[in-house]
Amino acid sequence: MEQLGATIPPTGTYGDKYTDQVVLVTGGGNGIGHDTATLFADQGGNVVLVDLDEQRLRKVEASFTSEGKNVPTESPIRHQKSKSGQ
């Protein structure tokens, strides 16, 4: 099936644009959140991923780590959520 909607390629990416910057991406497990996280990580950002689906989140973290992207393996936000029982 052909993808509908805009398919505008990025004008350019810079491997060090977000070096030493921390980027918090909600919904990072899939869709727009995943794509946003990928773009920041590809440009050197330290990406903190947050998602309600922890299994999906772990897959993305593992993928980013294997590609050498800067992704913390533990998020204090995830721990806060699990401690609150939600």
PDB file of N, CA and C in Angstrom:
ATOM      1  N   MET A   1       0.841  -1.172   0.000  1.00  0.00           N
ATOM      2  CA  MET A   1       0.000   0.000   0.000  1.00  0.00           C
ATOM      3  C   MET A   1       0.890   1.241   0.000  1.00  0.00           C
ATOM      4  N   GLU A   2       0.544   2.184  -0.834  1.00  0.00           N
ATOM      5  CA  GLU A   2       1.301   3.426  -0.914  1.00  0.00           C
ATOM      6  C   GLU A   2       0.999   4.306   0.289  1.00  0.00           C
ATOM      7  N   GLN A   3       2.046   4.926   0.830  1.00  0.00           N
ATOM      8  CA  GLN A   3       1.874   5.801   1.987  1.00  0.00           C
ATOM      9  C   GLN A   3       1.245   7.115   1.548  1.00  0.00           C
ATOM     10  N   LEU A   4       0.211   7.511   2.251  1.00  0.00           N
ATOM     11  CA  LEU A   4      -0.449   8.770   1.955  1.00  0.00           C
ATOM     12  C   LEU A   4       0.159   9.880   2.789  1.00  0.00           C
ATOM     13  N   GLY A   5       0.015  11.085   2.336  1.00  0.00           N
ATOM     14  CA  GLY A   5       0.513  12.218   3.098  1.00  0.00           C
ATOM     15  C   GLY A   5       1.841  12.722   2.565  1.00  0.00           C
ATOM     16  N   ALA A   6       2.369  13.697   3.239  1.00  0.00           N
ATOM     17  CA  ALA A   6       3.614  14.326   2.812  1.00  0.00           C
ATOM     18  C   ALA A   6       4.796  13.403   3.026  1.00  0.00           C
ATOM     19  N   THR A   7       5.668  13.387   2.072  1.00  0.00           N
ATOM     20  CA  THR A   7       6.914  12.626   2.197  1.00  0.00           C
ATOM     21  C   THR A   7       8.067  13.584   1.921  1.00  0.00           C
ATOM     22  N   ILE A   8       8.184  14.559   2.777  1.00  0.00           N
ATOM     23  CA  ILE A   8       9.207  15.585   2.615  1.00  0.00           C
ATOM     24  C   ILE A   8      10.481  15.113   3.303  1.00  0.00           C
ATOM     25  N   PRO A   9      11.559  14.941   2.544  1.00  0.00           N
ATOM     26  CA  PRO A   9      12.803  14.503   3.177  1.00  0.00           C
ATOM     27  C   PRO A   9      13.411  15.637   4.001  1.00  0.00           C
ATOM     28  N   PRO A  10      14.148  15.295   5.066  1.00  0.00           N
ATOM     29  CA  PRO A  10      14.809  16.346   5.843  1.00  0.00           C
ATOM     30  C   PRO A  10      15.829  17.072   4.975  1.00  0.00           C
ATOM     31  N   THR A  11      16.003  18.357   5.233  1.00  0.00           N
ATOM     32  CA  THR A  11      16.946  19.134   4.433  1.00  0.00           C
ATOM     33  C   THR A  11      18.383  18.767   4.733  1.00  0.00           C
ATOM     34  N   GLY A  12      18.630  18.231   5.911  1.00  0.00           N
ATOM     35  CA  GLY A  12      19.978  17.811   6.275  1.00  0.00           C
ATOM     36  C   GLY A  12      20.030  17.423   7.733  1.00  0.00           C
ATOM     37  N   THR A  13      20.914  16.519   8.050  1.00  0.00           N
ATOM     38  CA  THR A  13      21.124  16.151   9.446  1.00  0.00           C
ATOM     39  C   THR A  13      22.585  16.374   9.781  1.00  0.00           C
ATOM     40  N   TYR A  14      22.836  16.685  11.015  1.00  0.00           N
ATOM     41  CA  TYR A  14      24.179  16.990  11.471  1.00  0.00           C
ATOM     42  C   TYR A  14      24.476  16.103  12.668  1.00  0.00           C
ATOM     43  N   GLY A  15      25.483  15.256  12.555  1.00  0.00           N
ATOM     44  CA  GLY A  15      25.795  14.271  13.573  1.00  0.00           C
ATOM     45  C   GLY A  15      26.075  14.823  14.954  1.00  0.00           C
ATOM     46  N   ASP A  16      26.394  16.109  15.048  1.00  0.00           N
ATOM     47  CA  ASP A  16      26.754  16.679  16.349  1.00  0.00           C
ATOM     48  C   ASP A  16      25.859  17.853  16.764  1.00  0.00           C
ATOM     49  N   LYS A  17      24.758  18.039  16.086  1.00  0.00           N
ATOM     50  CA  LYS A  17      23.903  19.203  16.354  1.00  0.00           C
ATOM     51  C   LYS A  17      23.394  19.233  17.794  1.00  0.00           C
ATOM     52  N   TYR A  18      23.074  18.070  18.365  1.00  0.00           N
ATOM     53  CA  TYR A  18      22.516  18.014  19.714  1.00  0.00           C
ATOM     54  C   TYR A  18      23.460  17.351  20.710  1.00  0.00           C
ATOM     55  N   THR A  19      24.752  17.342  20.416  1.00  0.00           N
ATOM     56  CA  THR A  19      25.730  16.791  21.340  1.00  0.00           C
ATOM     57  C   THR A  19      25.641  17.539  22.667  1.00  0.00           C
ATOM     58  N   ASP A  20      25.713  16.799  23.759  1.00  0.00           N
ATOM     59  CA  ASP A  20      25.619  17.346  25.117  1.00  0.00           C
ATOM     60  C   ASP A  20      24.232  17.907  25.443  1.00  0.00           C
ATOM     61  N   GLN A  21      23.233  17.559  24.651  1.00  0.00           N
ATOM     62  CA  GLN A  21      21.859  17.974  24.915  1.00  0.00           C
ATOM     63  C   GLN A  21      21.041  16.742  25.291  1.00  0.00           C
ATOM     64  N   VAL A  22      20.123  16.901  26.228  1.00  0.00           N
ATOM     65  CA  VAL A  22      19.219  15.819  26.614  1.00  0.00           C
ATOM     66  C   VAL A  22      17.853  16.120  26.014  1.00  0.00           C
ATOM     67  N   VAL A  23      17.292  15.120  25.348  1.00  0.00           N
ATOM     68  CA  VAL A  23      15.999  15.279  24.691  1.00  0.00           C
ATOM     69  C   VAL A  23      15.033  14.260  25.282  1.00  0.00           C
ATOM     70  N   LEU A  24      13.908  14.723  25.796  1.00  0.00           N
ATOM     71  CA  LEU A  24      12.874  13.850  26.350  1.00  0.00           C
ATOM     72  C   LEU A  24      11.794  13.671  25.288  1.00  0.00           C
ATOM     73  N   VAL A  25      11.566  12.414  24.891  1.00  0.00           N
ATOM     74  CA  VAL A  25      10.569  12.130  23.861  1.00  0.00           C
ATOM     75  C   VAL A  25       9.492  11.229  24.450  1.00  0.00           C
ATOM     76  N   THR A  26       8.266  11.741  24.512  1.00  0.00           N
ATOM     77  CA  THR A  26       7.150  10.917  24.979  1.00  0.00           C
ATOM     78  C   THR A  26       6.589  10.147  23.794  1.00  0.00           C
ATOM     79  N   GLY A  27       6.074   8.957  24.072  1.00  0.00           N
ATOM     80  CA  GLY A  27       5.554   8.119  22.993  1.00  0.00           C
ATOM     81  C   GLY A  27       6.662   7.616  22.096  1.00  0.00           C
ATOM     82  N   GLY A  28       7.862   7.424  22.669  1.00  0.00           N
ATOM     83  CA  GLY A  28       9.030   7.034  21.881  1.00  0.00           C
ATOM     84  C   GLY A  28       9.030   5.598  21.405  1.00  0.00           C
ATOM     85  N   GLY A  29       8.045   4.814  21.798  1.00  0.00           N
ATOM     86  CA  GLY A  29       8.009   3.405  21.414  1.00  0.00           C
ATOM     87  C   GLY A  29       7.557   3.146  19.996  1.00  0.00           C
ATOM     88  N   ASN A  30       6.840   4.087  19.387  1.00  0.00           N
ATOM     89  CA  ASN A  30       6.408   3.893  18.004  1.00  0.00           C
ATOM     90  C   ASN A  30       5.907   5.198  17.403  1.00  0.00           C
ATOM     91  N   GLY A  31       5.588   5.165  16.144  1.00  0.00           N
ATOM     92  CA  GLY A  31       4.987   6.297  15.450  1.00  0.00           C
ATOM     93  C   GLY A  31       5.835   7.559  15.429  1.00  0.00           C
ATOM     94  N   ILE A  32       5.163   8.689  15.592  1.00  0.00           N
ATOM     95  CA  ILE A  32       5.834   9.987  15.528  1.00  0.00           C
ATOM     96  C   ILE A  32       6.879  10.122  16.627  1.00  0.00           C
ATOM     97  N   GLY A  33       6.573   9.623  17.830  1.00  0.00           N
ATOM     98  CA  GLY A  33       7.544   9.689  18.922  1.00  0.00           C
ATOM     99  C   GLY A  33       8.821   8.939  18.593  1.00  0.00           C
ATOM    100  N   HIS A  34       8.678   7.753  18.015  1.00  0.00           N
ATOM    101  CA  HIS A  34       9.849   6.958  17.617  1.00  0.00           C
ATOM    102  C   HIS A  34      10.659   7.689  16.555  1.00  0.00           C
ATOM    103  N   ASP A  35       9.978   8.229  15.542  1.00  0.00           N
ATOM    104  CA  ASP A  35      10.678   8.938  14.476  1.00  0.00           C
ATOM    105  C   ASP A  35      11.367  10.196  14.995  1.00  0.00           C
ATOM    106  N   THR A  36      10.717  10.903  15.908  1.00  0.00           N
ATOM    107  CA  THR A  36      11.318  12.092  16.510  1.00  0.00           C
ATOM    108  C   THR A  36      12.568  11.718  17.294  1.00  0.00           C
ATOM    109  N   ALA A  37      12.468  10.660  18.092  1.00  0.00           N
ATOM    110  CA  ALA A  37      13.616  10.191  18.871  1.00  0.00           C
ATOM    111  C   ALA A  37      14.767   9.797  17.959  1.00  0.00           C
ATOM    112  N   THR A  38      14.449   9.125  16.857  1.00  0.00           N
ATOM    113  CA  THR A  38      15.479   8.706  15.905  1.00  0.00           C
ATOM    114  C   THR A  38      16.205   9.910  15.325  1.00  0.00           C
ATOM    115  N   LEU A  39      15.466  10.939  14.938  1.00  0.00           N
ATOM    116  CA  LEU A  39      16.096  12.133  14.364  1.00  0.00           C
ATOM    117  C   LEU A  39      17.013  12.825  15.367  1.00  0.00           C
ATOM    118  N   PHE A  40      16.564  12.967  16.610  1.00  0.00           N
ATOM    119  CA  PHE A  40      17.420  13.590  17.624  1.00  0.00           C
ATOM    120  C   PHE A  40      18.648  12.727  17.903  1.00  0.00           C
ATOM    121  N   ALA A  41      18.462  11.421  18.015  1.00  0.00           N
ATOM    122  CA  ALA A  41      19.582  10.524  18.305  1.00  0.00           C
ATOM    123  C   ALA A  41      20.587  10.515  17.159  1.00  0.00           C
ATOM    124  N   ASP A  42      20.100  10.554  15.921  1.00  0.00           N
ATOM    125  CA  ASP A  42      20.993  10.579  14.761  1.00  0.00           C
ATOM    126  C   ASP A  42      21.837  11.843  14.723  1.00  0.00           C
ATOM    127  N   GLN A  43      21.383  12.886  15.422  1.00  0.00           N
ATOM    128  CA  GLN A  43      22.113  14.143  15.438  1.00  0.00           C
ATOM    129  C   GLN A  43      22.840  14.366  16.764  1.00  0.00           C
ATOM    130  N   GLY A  44      23.094  13.259  17.477  1.00  0.00           N
ATOM    131  CA  GLY A  44      23.944  13.306  18.658  1.00  0.00           C
ATOM    132  C   GLY A  44      23.255  13.556  19.977  1.00  0.00           C
ATOM    133  N   GLY A  45      21.945  13.677  19.989  1.00  0.00           N
ATOM    134  CA  GLY A  45      21.229  13.949  21.233  1.00  0.00           C
ATOM    135  C   GLY A  45      21.205  12.758  22.169  1.00  0.00           C
ATOM    136  N   ASN A  46      21.206  13.037  23.463  1.00  0.00           N
ATOM    137  CA  ASN A  46      21.018  12.000  24.484  1.00  0.00           C
ATOM    138  C   ASN A  46      19.516  11.878  24.691  1.00  0.00           C
ATOM    139  N   VAL A  47      18.920  10.850  24.111  1.00  0.00           N
ATOM    140  CA  VAL A  47      17.468  10.727  24.057  1.00  0.00           C
ATOM    141  C   VAL A  47      16.945   9.902  25.224  1.00  0.00           C
ATOM    142  N   VAL A  48      16.038  10.502  25.994  1.00  0.00           N
ATOM    143  CA  VAL A  48      15.339   9.788  27.059  1.00  0.00           C
ATOM    144  C   VAL A  48      13.964   9.440  26.502  1.00  0.00           C
ATOM    145  N   LEU A  49      13.697   8.143  26.394  1.00  0.00           N
ATOM    146  CA  LEU A  49      12.433   7.678  25.827  1.00  0.00           C
ATOM    147  C   LEU A  49      11.419   7.391  26.922  1.00  0.00           C
ATOM    148  N   VAL A  50      10.186   7.799  26.690  1.00  0.00           N
ATOM    149  CA  VAL A  50       9.092   7.515  27.615  1.00  0.00           C
ATOM    150  C   VAL A  50       7.942   6.959  26.787  1.00  0.00           C
ATOM    151  N   ASP A  51       7.347   5.869  27.263  1.00  0.00           N
ATOM    152  CA  ASP A  51       6.201   5.276  26.576  1.00  0.00           C
ATOM    153  C   ASP A  51       5.410   4.455  27.576  1.00  0.00           C
ATOM    154  N   LEU A  52       4.119   4.330  27.370  1.00  0.00           N
ATOM    155  CA  LEU A  52       3.296   3.519  28.264  1.00  0.00           C
ATOM    156  C   LEU A  52       3.551   2.029  28.078  1.00  0.00           C
ATOM    157  N   ASP A  53       3.957   1.623  26.874  1.00  0.00           N
ATOM    158  CA  ASP A  53       4.216   0.216  26.575  1.00  0.00           C
ATOM    159  C   ASP A  53       5.697  -0.073  26.806  1.00  0.00           C
ATOM    160  N   GLU A  54       6.017  -0.609  27.975  1.00  0.00           N
ATOM    161  CA  GLU A  54       7.420  -0.811  28.337  1.00  0.00           C
ATOM    162  C   GLU A  54       8.121  -1.812  27.432  1.00  0.00           C
ATOM    163  N   GLN A  55       7.420  -2.832  26.965  1.00  0.00           N
ATOM    164  CA  GLN A  55       8.037  -3.826  26.087  1.00  0.00           C
ATOM    165  C   GLN A  55       8.467  -3.175  24.768  1.00  0.00           C
ATOM    166  N   ARG A  56       7.617  -2.357  24.213  1.00  0.00           N
ATOM    167  CA  ARG A  56       7.943  -1.654  22.971  1.00  0.00           C
ATOM    168  C   ARG A  56       9.101  -0.688  23.206  1.00  0.00           C
ATOM    169  N   LEU A  57       9.079  -0.029  24.350  1.00  0.00           N
ATOM    170  CA  LEU A  57      10.133   0.909  24.706  1.00  0.00           C
ATOM    171  C   LEU A  57      11.479   0.206  24.806  1.00  0.00           C
ATOM    172  N   ARG A  58      11.514  -0.950  25.424  1.00  0.00           N
ATOM    173  CA  ARG A  58      12.755  -1.725  25.555  1.00  0.00           C
ATOM    174  C   ARG A  58      13.317  -2.116  24.191  1.00  0.00           C
ATOM    175  N   LYS A  59      12.433  -2.467  23.241  1.00  0.00           N
ATOM    176  CA  LYS A  59      12.886  -2.824  21.890  1.00  0.00           C
ATOM    177  C   LYS A  59      13.576  -1.637  21.220  1.00  0.00           C
ATOM    178  N   VAL A  60      12.969  -0.467  21.352  1.00  0.00           N
ATOM    179  CA  VAL A  60      13.548   0.733  20.746  1.00  0.00           C
ATOM    180  C   VAL A  60      14.875   1.070  21.414  1.00  0.00           C
ATOM    181  N   GLU A  61      14.931   0.998  22.741  1.00  0.00           N
ATOM    182  CA  GLU A  61      16.182   1.265  23.460  1.00  0.00           C
ATOM    183  C   GLU A  61      17.276   0.309  23.004  1.00  0.00           C
ATOM    184  N   ALA A  62      16.950  -0.978  22.864  1.00  0.00           N
ATOM    185  CA  ALA A  62      17.935  -1.972  22.430  1.00  0.00           C
ATOM    186  C   ALA A  62      18.410  -1.674  21.013  1.00  0.00           C
ATOM    187  N   SER A  63      17.491  -1.298  20.153  1.00  0.00           N
ATOM    188  CA  SER A  63      17.844  -0.965  18.775  1.00  0.00           C
ATOM    189  C   SER A  63      18.762   0.250  18.724  1.00  0.00           C
ATOM    190  N   PHE A  64      18.404   1.304  19.457  1.00  0.00           N
ATOM    191  CA  PHE A  64      19.227   2.511  19.483  1.00  0.00           C
ATOM    192  C   PHE A  64      20.611   2.213  20.043  1.00  0.00           C
ATOM    193  N   THR A  65      20.671   1.448  21.118  1.00  0.00           N
ATOM    194  CA  THR A  65      21.954   1.124  21.739  1.00  0.00           C
ATOM    195  C   THR A  65      22.840   0.344  20.776  1.00  0.00           C
ATOM    196  N   SER A  66      22.269  -0.628  20.068  1.00  0.00           N
ATOM    197  CA  SER A  66      23.059  -1.430  19.129  1.00  0.00           C
ATOM    198  C   SER A  66      23.568  -0.595  17.958  1.00  0.00           C
ATOM    199  N   GLU A  67      22.874   0.501  17.656  1.00  0.00           N
ATOM    200  CA  GLU A  67      23.296   1.402  16.582  1.00  0.00           C
ATOM    201  C   GLU A  67      24.250   2.484  17.086  1.00  0.00           C
ATOM    202  N   GLY A  68      24.572   2.460  18.380  1.00  0.00           N
ATOM    203  CA  GLY A  68      25.504   3.431  18.942  1.00  0.00           C
ATOM    204  C   GLY A  68      24.888   4.775  19.280  1.00  0.00           C
ATOM    205  N   LYS A  69      23.566   4.830  19.349  1.00  0.00           N
ATOM    206  CA  LYS A  69      22.905   6.090  19.702  1.00  0.00           C
ATOM    207  C   LYS A  69      22.936   6.274  21.219  1.00  0.00           C
ATOM    208  N   ASN A  70      22.876   7.536  21.656  1.00  0.00           N
ATOM    209  CA  ASN A  70      22.947   7.871  23.080  1.00  0.00           C
ATOM    210  C   ASN A  70      21.573   7.771  23.727  1.00  0.00           C
ATOM    211  N   VAL A  71      21.320   6.626  24.376  1.00  0.00           N
ATOM    212  CA  VAL A  71      20.036   6.407  25.031  1.00  0.00           C
ATOM    213  C   VAL A  71      20.294   5.863  26.425  1.00  0.00           C
ATOM    214  N   PRO A  72      19.881   6.598  27.471  1.00  0.00           N
ATOM    215  CA  PRO A  72      20.029   6.045  28.820  1.00  0.00           C
ATOM    216  C   PRO A  72      19.215   4.758  28.933  1.00  0.00           C
ATOM    217  N   THR A  73      19.758   3.756  29.608  1.00  0.00           N
ATOM    218  CA  THR A  73      19.047   2.483  29.705  1.00  0.00           C
ATOM    219  C   THR A  73      18.005   2.492  30.807  1.00  0.00           C
ATOM    220  N   GLU A  74      18.113   3.389  31.739  1.00  0.00           N
ATOM    221  CA  GLU A  74      17.121   3.489  32.815  1.00  0.00           C
ATOM    222  C   GLU A  74      16.609   4.918  32.880  1.00  0.00           C
ATOM    223  N   SER A  75      15.314   5.054  32.987  1.00  0.00           N
ATOM    224  CA  SER A  75      14.699   6.368  33.066  1.00  0.00           C
ATOM    225  C   SER A  75      14.050   6.563  34.429  1.00  0.00           C
ATOM    226  N   PRO A  76      14.371   7.657  35.120  1.00  0.00           N
ATOM    227  CA  PRO A  76      13.725   7.912  36.409  1.00  0.00           C
ATOM    228  C   PRO A  76      12.211   8.057  36.270  1.00  0.00           C
ATOM    229  N   ILE A  77      11.739   8.496  35.120  1.00  0.00           N
ATOM    230  CA  ILE A  77      10.301   8.650  34.908  1.00  0.00           C
ATOM    231  C   ILE A  77       9.634   7.280  34.902  1.00  0.00           C
ATOM    232  N   ARG A  78      10.272   6.296  34.263  1.00  0.00           N
ATOM    233  CA  ARG A  78       9.722   4.951  34.237  1.00  0.00           C
ATOM    234  C   ARG A  78       9.617   4.416  35.656  1.00  0.00           C
ATOM    235  N   HIS A  79      10.655   4.647  36.457  1.00  0.00           N
ATOM    236  CA  HIS A  79      10.633   4.162  37.833  1.00  0.00           C
ATOM    237  C   HIS A  79       9.541   4.852  38.643  1.00  0.00           C
ATOM    238  N   GLN A  80       9.337   6.122  38.429  1.00  0.00           N
ATOM    239  CA  GLN A  80       8.285   6.848  39.138  1.00  0.00           C
ATOM    240  C   GLN A  80       6.924   6.263  38.792  1.00  0.00           C
ATOM    241  N   LYS A  81       6.709   5.962  37.529  1.00  0.00           N
ATOM    242  CA  LYS A  81       5.438   5.386  37.094  1.00  0.00           C
ATOM    243  C   LYS A  81       5.217   4.036  37.753  1.00  0.00           C
ATOM    244  N   SER A  82       6.247   3.203  37.777  1.00  0.00           N
ATOM    245  CA  SER A  82       6.084   1.866  38.337  1.00  0.00           C
ATOM    246  C   SER A  82       5.884   1.924  39.854  1.00  0.00           C
ATOM    247  N   LYS A  83       6.480   2.900  40.516  1.00  0.00           N
ATOM    248  CA  LYS A  83       6.322   3.024  41.965  1.00  0.00           C
ATOM    249  C   LYS A  83       4.923   3.500  42.342  1.00  0.00           C
ATOM    250  N   SER A  84       4.293   4.249  41.454  1.00  0.00           N
ATOM    251  CA  SER A  84       2.959   4.755  41.772  1.00  0.00           C
ATOM    252  C   SER A  84       1.878   3.703  41.548  1.00  0.00           C
ATOM    253  N   GLY A  85       2.253   2.570  40.956  1.00  0.00           N
ATOM    254  CA  GLY A  85       1.307   1.479  40.758  1.00  0.00           C
ATOM    255  C   GLY A  85       0.432   1.625  39.534  1.00  0.00           C
ATOM    256  N   GLN A  86       0.763   2.524  38.645  1.00  0.00           N
ATOM    257  CA  GLN A  86      -0.040   2.709  37.427  1.00  0.00           C
ATOM    258  C   GLN A  86       0.591   2.006  36.260  1.00  0.00           C
TER     259      GLN A  86
END
